[in-house]
Every structure is written in C-alpha cells, then in structure tokens.
N, C-alpha and C. Protein backbone atom coordinates (compact mmCIF):
# COMPACT_ATOMS: atom_id res chain seq x y z
N MET A 1 142.19 87.12 100.36
CA MET A 1 141.62 87.80 100.24
C MET A 1 140.89 88.89 101.39
N ASP A 2 141.36 90.03 101.34
CA ASP A 2 141.20 90.88 102.90
C ASP A 2 139.97 91.17 103.04
N LEU A 3 138.97 90.60 103.03
CA LEU A 3 137.48 90.86 102.86
C LEU A 3 136.57 90.10 103.58
N SER A 4 135.90 90.75 104.67
CA SER A 4 134.81 89.97 105.47
C SER A 4 133.52 90.41 105.01
N ILE A 5 132.71 89.65 104.75
CA ILE A 5 131.01 89.71 104.89
C ILE A 5 130.19 89.40 105.86
N THR A 6 129.61 89.90 106.17
CA THR A 6 128.46 89.30 107.54
C THR A 6 127.16 90.27 107.24
N ARG A 7 125.99 89.14 107.49
CA ARG A 7 124.61 89.88 106.77
C ARG A 7 123.43 89.32 108.20
N ALA A 8 123.14 90.43 108.45
CA ALA A 8 121.97 90.59 109.64
C ALA A 8 120.72 90.87 109.41
N ASP A 9 119.64 90.88 109.65
CA ASP A 9 118.08 91.35 109.36
C ASP A 9 118.02 92.03 110.86
N HIS A 10 117.36 93.05 110.21
CA HIS A 10 116.76 94.30 110.89
C HIS A 10 115.45 94.83 110.93
N GLY A 11 114.56 93.77 111.33
CA GLY A 11 113.14 93.70 110.83
C GLY A 11 112.99 93.69 109.39
N ASP A 12 112.46 94.84 108.56
CA ASP A 12 112.48 94.80 106.89
C ASP A 12 113.70 94.79 106.28
N HIS A 13 114.70 95.54 107.36
CA HIS A 13 115.79 95.66 106.56
C HIS A 13 117.19 94.74 106.47
N THR A 14 117.99 95.09 105.61
CA THR A 14 119.27 93.53 106.07
C THR A 14 120.50 94.58 105.65
N VAL A 15 121.01 94.45 106.69
CA VAL A 15 122.29 94.64 106.97
C VAL A 15 123.68 94.15 106.56
N VAL A 16 124.17 94.37 105.64
CA VAL A 16 125.53 93.64 105.24
C VAL A 16 126.46 94.35 105.44
N HIS A 17 127.73 93.97 106.45
CA HIS A 17 128.87 94.58 106.88
C HIS A 17 130.00 94.00 106.21
N LEU A 18 130.65 95.09 105.50
CA LEU A 18 131.62 94.83 105.17
C LEU A 18 133.00 95.06 105.74
N GLY A 19 134.10 94.55 105.25
CA GLY A 19 135.52 94.81 106.01
C GLY A 19 136.47 94.72 105.04
N GLY A 20 137.69 95.12 105.47
CA GLY A 20 138.95 95.03 104.60
C GLY A 20 139.12 95.86 103.57
N GLU A 21 139.30 95.37 102.05
CA GLU A 21 139.52 95.77 101.17
C GLU A 21 138.37 95.66 99.95
N ILE A 22 137.92 96.70 99.57
CA ILE A 22 136.77 96.51 98.56
C ILE A 22 137.65 97.05 97.15
N ASP A 23 138.19 95.97 96.30
CA ASP A 23 138.86 96.46 95.36
C ASP A 23 138.79 95.94 94.26
N VAL A 24 139.78 95.74 92.92
CA VAL A 24 139.45 94.98 91.63
C VAL A 24 138.84 93.34 92.04
N TYR A 25 140.04 93.06 92.82
CA TYR A 25 140.03 91.26 93.30
C TYR A 25 138.71 90.91 94.43
N THR A 26 138.00 91.76 94.83
CA THR A 26 137.41 91.55 96.23
C THR A 26 136.04 92.09 95.75
N ALA A 27 135.73 93.24 94.68
CA ALA A 27 134.70 93.63 93.94
C ALA A 27 133.44 92.56 93.74
N PRO A 28 133.52 91.36 92.86
CA PRO A 28 133.29 90.68 92.61
C PRO A 28 132.48 90.01 93.38
N PHE A 29 132.92 89.61 94.22
CA PHE A 29 132.40 89.01 95.57
C PHE A 29 131.44 89.66 96.50
N VAL A 30 131.74 90.85 96.26
CA VAL A 30 130.72 91.47 96.92
C VAL A 30 129.72 91.98 96.34
N ARG A 31 129.74 92.22 94.86
CA ARG A 31 128.56 91.89 93.97
C ARG A 31 127.60 90.89 94.42
N GLU A 32 128.53 90.07 94.21
CA GLU A 32 127.60 88.51 94.40
C GLU A 32 127.07 88.55 95.81
N LYS A 33 127.51 88.71 96.70
CA LYS A 33 126.61 89.11 97.73
C LYS A 33 125.67 89.77 98.10
N LEU A 34 125.76 90.75 97.53
CA LEU A 34 124.81 92.09 97.51
C LEU A 34 123.72 91.59 96.56
N ASP A 35 123.75 90.86 95.60
CA ASP A 35 123.11 90.41 94.70
C ASP A 35 121.81 89.34 94.99
N GLU A 36 122.85 87.91 95.51
CA GLU A 36 121.87 87.63 96.33
C GLU A 36 120.63 87.93 97.34
N GLN A 37 121.10 88.80 98.31
CA GLN A 37 120.31 89.53 99.13
C GLN A 37 119.36 90.07 98.51
N ILE A 38 119.50 91.02 97.22
CA ILE A 38 118.42 91.20 96.30
C ILE A 38 117.69 90.15 95.98
N HIS A 39 117.89 89.51 95.23
CA HIS A 39 117.15 87.99 94.33
C HIS A 39 116.63 87.56 95.33
N ALA A 40 117.14 87.49 96.99
CA ALA A 40 115.89 86.71 97.73
C ALA A 40 114.93 87.73 98.31
N GLY A 41 114.99 88.63 97.93
CA GLY A 41 113.51 89.72 97.94
C GLY A 41 114.08 90.73 99.41
N ARG A 42 115.48 90.81 99.55
CA ARG A 42 115.60 91.59 100.55
C ARG A 42 116.20 92.95 100.26
N THR A 43 115.54 93.57 99.50
CA THR A 43 116.29 94.75 98.63
C THR A 43 116.09 96.44 99.59
N ASP A 44 115.54 96.19 100.59
CA ASP A 44 116.04 97.24 102.10
C ASP A 44 117.20 97.27 102.42
N LEU A 45 118.35 97.40 101.90
CA LEU A 45 120.20 97.29 102.21
C LEU A 45 120.39 98.44 102.75
N VAL A 46 121.09 98.35 104.02
CA VAL A 46 122.17 99.29 104.64
C VAL A 46 123.44 98.40 104.69
N VAL A 47 124.32 98.78 103.86
CA VAL A 47 125.68 98.26 104.02
C VAL A 47 126.72 99.15 104.89
N ASP A 48 127.31 98.45 105.44
CA ASP A 48 128.13 99.04 106.57
C ASP A 48 129.32 99.10 106.06
N LEU A 49 129.81 100.21 105.99
CA LEU A 49 131.24 100.25 105.45
C LEU A 49 132.31 100.36 106.92
N SER A 50 132.08 100.67 107.70
CA SER A 50 132.72 100.81 108.81
C SER A 50 134.53 100.24 108.94
N ASP A 51 134.26 99.23 108.84
CA ASP A 51 135.50 98.78 109.18
C ASP A 51 136.25 98.23 107.33
N VAL A 52 135.53 98.70 106.70
CA VAL A 52 136.33 98.95 105.03
C VAL A 52 137.76 100.11 105.16
N THR A 53 138.61 99.18 104.98
CA THR A 53 139.94 100.18 104.78
C THR A 53 140.37 100.51 103.65
N PHE A 54 139.93 100.23 102.36
CA PHE A 54 140.72 100.86 101.26
C PHE A 54 138.94 100.38 100.32
N LEU A 55 138.45 101.63 99.41
CA LEU A 55 137.75 100.95 98.82
C LEU A 55 138.32 102.18 97.19
N ASP A 56 137.88 101.06 96.18
CA ASP A 56 138.70 102.00 94.67
C ASP A 56 137.61 102.16 93.79
N SER A 57 137.37 102.72 92.57
CA SER A 57 136.46 102.81 92.04
C SER A 57 135.58 101.44 91.38
N THR A 58 136.63 100.42 91.37
CA THR A 58 135.77 99.30 91.05
C THR A 58 134.76 98.66 92.19
N GLY A 59 135.29 98.78 93.37
CA GLY A 59 134.03 98.78 94.57
C GLY A 59 133.03 100.16 94.37
N LEU A 60 132.90 101.25 94.29
CA LEU A 60 132.12 101.74 93.62
C LEU A 60 131.16 101.80 92.86
N GLY A 61 131.81 101.16 91.63
CA GLY A 61 130.97 100.50 91.12
C GLY A 61 130.03 99.52 91.20
N VAL A 62 130.26 98.79 92.17
CA VAL A 62 129.43 97.60 92.62
C VAL A 62 128.38 98.27 93.42
N LEU A 63 128.84 99.47 94.65
CA LEU A 63 127.78 100.18 95.27
C LEU A 63 126.90 100.50 94.13
N VAL A 64 127.22 101.36 93.25
CA VAL A 64 126.25 102.24 92.03
C VAL A 64 125.65 101.01 91.67
N GLY A 65 126.10 99.84 91.12
CA GLY A 65 124.95 99.21 90.58
C GLY A 65 124.21 98.25 91.09
N ARG A 66 124.57 98.27 92.41
CA ARG A 66 123.75 97.34 93.76
C ARG A 66 122.40 98.67 93.73
N LEU A 67 122.58 99.60 93.87
CA LEU A 67 121.95 100.64 94.42
C LEU A 67 120.66 100.64 93.22
N LYS A 68 121.24 101.03 92.20
CA LYS A 68 120.34 100.79 91.14
C LYS A 68 119.24 99.59 90.84
N PHE A 69 119.93 98.49 91.38
CA PHE A 69 119.48 97.16 91.52
C PHE A 69 118.04 96.74 92.16
N ALA A 70 118.47 97.48 93.29
CA ALA A 70 117.95 97.69 95.03
C ALA A 70 116.80 98.62 94.47
N ARG A 71 116.90 99.64 93.81
CA ARG A 71 116.16 100.65 93.28
C ARG A 71 114.85 99.99 92.48
N THR A 72 115.24 99.39 91.30
CA THR A 72 114.60 98.64 90.37
C THR A 72 113.43 97.65 90.81
N ARG A 73 113.73 96.85 92.17
CA ARG A 73 112.77 95.96 92.64
C ARG A 73 112.10 96.82 94.13
N GLY A 74 112.08 98.06 93.78
CA GLY A 74 111.61 98.76 95.11
C GLY A 74 112.06 99.11 96.20
N GLY A 75 113.46 98.88 96.35
CA GLY A 75 114.12 98.75 97.46
C GLY A 75 115.39 99.98 97.70
N SER A 76 116.06 100.01 98.45
CA SER A 76 116.60 101.54 98.81
C SER A 76 118.40 100.56 99.07
N LEU A 77 119.38 101.40 99.03
CA LEU A 77 120.60 100.86 99.62
C LEU A 77 121.08 101.72 100.66
N ARG A 78 121.12 102.07 101.83
CA ARG A 78 121.74 103.07 102.32
C ARG A 78 123.33 102.69 102.78
N LEU A 79 124.18 103.35 103.12
CA LEU A 79 125.78 103.14 103.64
C LEU A 79 125.75 103.79 104.71
N VAL A 80 126.56 103.20 105.77
CA VAL A 80 127.19 103.39 106.71
C VAL A 80 128.55 103.61 106.62
N GLY A 81 129.47 104.84 107.29
CA GLY A 81 130.75 104.74 106.76
C GLY A 81 131.49 106.20 107.78
N THR A 82 132.20 106.02 108.96
CA THR A 82 132.99 107.42 108.89
C THR A 82 134.42 107.17 109.04
N ALA A 83 135.38 106.31 108.01
CA ALA A 83 136.39 106.57 107.70
C ALA A 83 136.70 107.56 106.59
N GLU A 84 137.55 108.53 107.04
CA GLU A 84 137.69 109.47 106.34
C GLU A 84 138.29 109.16 105.10
N ARG A 85 139.11 108.00 105.04
CA ARG A 85 139.51 107.63 103.76
C ARG A 85 138.66 107.28 102.81
N VAL A 86 138.00 106.45 103.16
CA VAL A 86 136.59 105.79 102.17
C VAL A 86 135.42 106.91 102.18
N LEU A 87 135.15 107.85 102.39
CA LEU A 87 134.33 109.15 102.61
C LEU A 87 134.90 109.70 101.52
N ARG A 88 136.58 110.18 101.51
CA ARG A 88 136.91 110.71 100.68
C ARG A 88 136.47 110.68 99.44
N VAL A 89 136.78 109.26 99.15
CA VAL A 89 136.29 108.99 97.72
C VAL A 89 134.70 109.26 96.96
N PHE A 90 134.18 108.52 97.98
CA PHE A 90 132.58 109.42 97.76
C PHE A 90 132.56 110.60 97.42
N ALA A 91 132.94 111.55 98.03
CA ALA A 91 133.22 113.07 98.26
C ALA A 91 133.36 113.92 96.87
N ILE A 92 134.81 112.89 96.39
CA ILE A 92 135.69 113.45 95.34
C ILE A 92 134.97 112.75 93.97
N THR A 93 133.99 111.62 94.05
CA THR A 93 133.46 111.41 92.82
C THR A 93 132.04 112.25 92.90
N GLY A 94 131.51 112.62 93.83
CA GLY A 94 130.16 113.26 93.93
C GLY A 94 129.07 112.41 94.47
N LEU A 95 129.66 111.01 94.41
CA LEU A 95 128.55 110.14 94.90
C LEU A 95 128.15 110.28 96.54
N ASP A 96 128.54 111.08 97.11
CA ASP A 96 128.21 111.25 98.67
C ASP A 96 126.75 112.07 97.97
N LYS A 97 126.66 112.67 97.09
CA LYS A 97 125.24 113.33 97.11
C LYS A 97 124.00 112.30 96.25
N VAL A 98 124.98 111.08 95.88
CA VAL A 98 123.71 109.96 95.07
C VAL A 98 123.31 108.78 96.30
N PHE A 99 124.48 108.58 97.57
CA PHE A 99 124.00 107.78 98.35
C PHE A 99 123.61 108.65 99.86
N GLU A 100 122.85 107.86 100.44
CA GLU A 100 122.52 108.04 101.98
C GLU A 100 123.58 107.93 102.71
N ILE A 101 124.50 108.28 103.11
CA ILE A 101 125.40 107.82 103.97
C ILE A 101 125.29 108.63 105.51
N HIS A 102 125.49 107.58 106.58
CA HIS A 102 125.12 107.35 107.53
C HIS A 102 126.43 107.22 109.01
N PRO A 103 126.40 108.42 109.56
CA PRO A 103 127.61 107.82 110.81
C PRO A 103 127.77 106.55 111.35
N ASP A 104 126.72 105.79 111.60
CA ASP A 104 126.50 104.91 112.37
C ASP A 104 125.49 103.81 112.17
N LEU A 105 125.02 102.63 112.10
CA LEU A 105 124.04 101.76 112.00
C LEU A 105 122.67 102.26 112.45
N GLU A 106 122.94 102.63 113.57
CA GLU A 106 121.42 103.21 114.33
C GLU A 106 120.66 104.33 113.57
N SER A 107 121.57 105.20 112.89
CA SER A 107 120.66 106.23 112.48
C SER A 107 120.63 106.08 110.83
N ALA A 108 121.01 104.85 110.20
CA ALA A 108 120.63 104.30 108.78
C ALA A 108 119.15 103.74 109.14
N LEU A 109 119.36 102.78 110.48
CA LEU A 109 118.49 101.89 110.30
C LEU A 109 116.83 102.87 110.42
N ALA A 110 117.00 104.17 111.21
CA ALA A 110 116.22 104.92 111.76
C ALA A 110 115.57 105.91 110.28
N ALA A 111 116.65 106.01 109.35
CA ALA A 111 116.48 106.85 108.27
C ALA A 111 115.72 105.60 107.48
N ALA A 112 116.01 104.82 107.24
CA ALA A 112 115.62 103.77 106.70
C ALA A 112 113.72 103.18 106.66
N ASP A 113 113.40 103.22 108.15
CA ASP A 113 112.19 103.36 108.88
C ASP A 113 111.31 104.58 108.54
N GLU A 114 112.07 105.63 108.45
CA GLU A 114 111.65 106.91 108.24
C GLU A 114 111.07 107.09 106.81
N GLY A 115 112.10 106.43 105.64
CA GLY A 115 111.98 106.81 104.49
C GLY A 115 111.66 105.86 103.63
N GLU A 116 110.81 104.92 104.25
CA GLU A 116 110.25 103.82 103.27
C GLU A 116 109.40 104.58 102.35
N SER A 117 108.84 105.81 102.36
CA SER A 117 108.04 106.40 101.22
C SER A 117 109.02 107.70 100.41
N SER A 118 109.99 107.95 101.10
CA SER A 118 110.73 109.30 100.59
C SER A 118 111.18 108.64 99.36
N THR A 119 111.25 109.38 98.29
CA THR A 119 111.65 109.68 96.87
C THR A 119 113.25 110.27 96.61
N SER A 120 113.50 110.94 97.23
CA SER A 120 114.77 111.66 97.37
C SER A 120 115.92 110.77 97.83
N PRO A 121 116.71 110.41 97.25
CA PRO A 121 117.72 109.57 98.05
C PRO A 121 119.04 110.30 98.99
N SER A 122 118.72 111.91 98.62
CA SER A 122 119.73 112.47 98.91
C SER A 122 119.12 113.52 99.86
N SER A 123 117.94 112.80 100.32
CA SER A 123 117.03 114.13 101.08
C SER A 123 117.74 114.22 102.49
N THR A 124 118.20 113.28 103.45
CA THR A 124 118.70 113.31 104.57
C THR A 124 120.09 112.71 104.45
N PRO A 125 121.23 113.26 103.78
CA PRO A 125 122.67 112.54 103.69
C PRO A 125 123.22 113.00 105.08
N ARG A 126 123.76 111.88 105.86
CA ARG A 126 124.53 112.30 107.17
C ARG A 126 126.16 112.40 106.64
N HIS A 127 126.85 113.32 107.31
CA HIS A 127 128.21 112.55 106.68
C HIS A 127 129.28 112.79 108.47
N GLY A 128 129.58 111.83 108.92
CA GLY A 128 130.61 111.88 110.19
C GLY A 128 131.88 111.87 110.44
C-alpha cells in the first residue's frame, strides 16, 4: 500500500498529513483514520495533500464525506495542496468550490484560526 498518514496537533486544529496514492485500495484506510480524529473530538481538521501523488474519485468521496461528518460535529475540514495533478481533480469535479484549498500549511492554519466563525466554506479558497 503506497500511503502514509501522520497526525499532528496545532492548537485547536489537527493536521492529518497524507502521502502517496489515495485510491480504491487506500481510501478506506484514509476514511478510518479521519473518522478516528472526528470521533475523538478533533473536528477542526486540516488535511495536508502536499505529498499525495494520485487521487481518484474514491479518495474524493472520502474527503467529501469527512467534510460533511466534521461539519455535523461543528467542525471543519480544510485542505493543503499544490500538486497540479491533484488540484486538477478538484477543479474538474467542481469540488474546489466546496473545499478551502490552501497552498501551504501555514495559510490553512491561519484561515482556520480566522474562520472559526465563518459560515461560508468557500469564502477564502486559495489555489497555488
């Protein structure tokens, strides 16, 4: 399985760093790990896709589902990513309008701090 997952806490926010391929084989593992964070009360998530080399529709489905799940718990899910190949998948599907996508972890965390009371998930999307 070509996937790595690590977690780090940054204040009230939890960063889940994904690396490798997110596809039909690895997506269930990604779902499980993100669900663990949300069930543990860490609902303000930043998912770092900087080291993701491939993302298919199954992986997108997991991210959309976890976004909805985090929101039902009063949280949020922001993305970090710069790989053109990965960003293109979000653009083609229109999900770049649904997710906040930031060019680096620092801007995602800053937006998370600023947007604690923001109601529009696409109010400050950034593409790099």
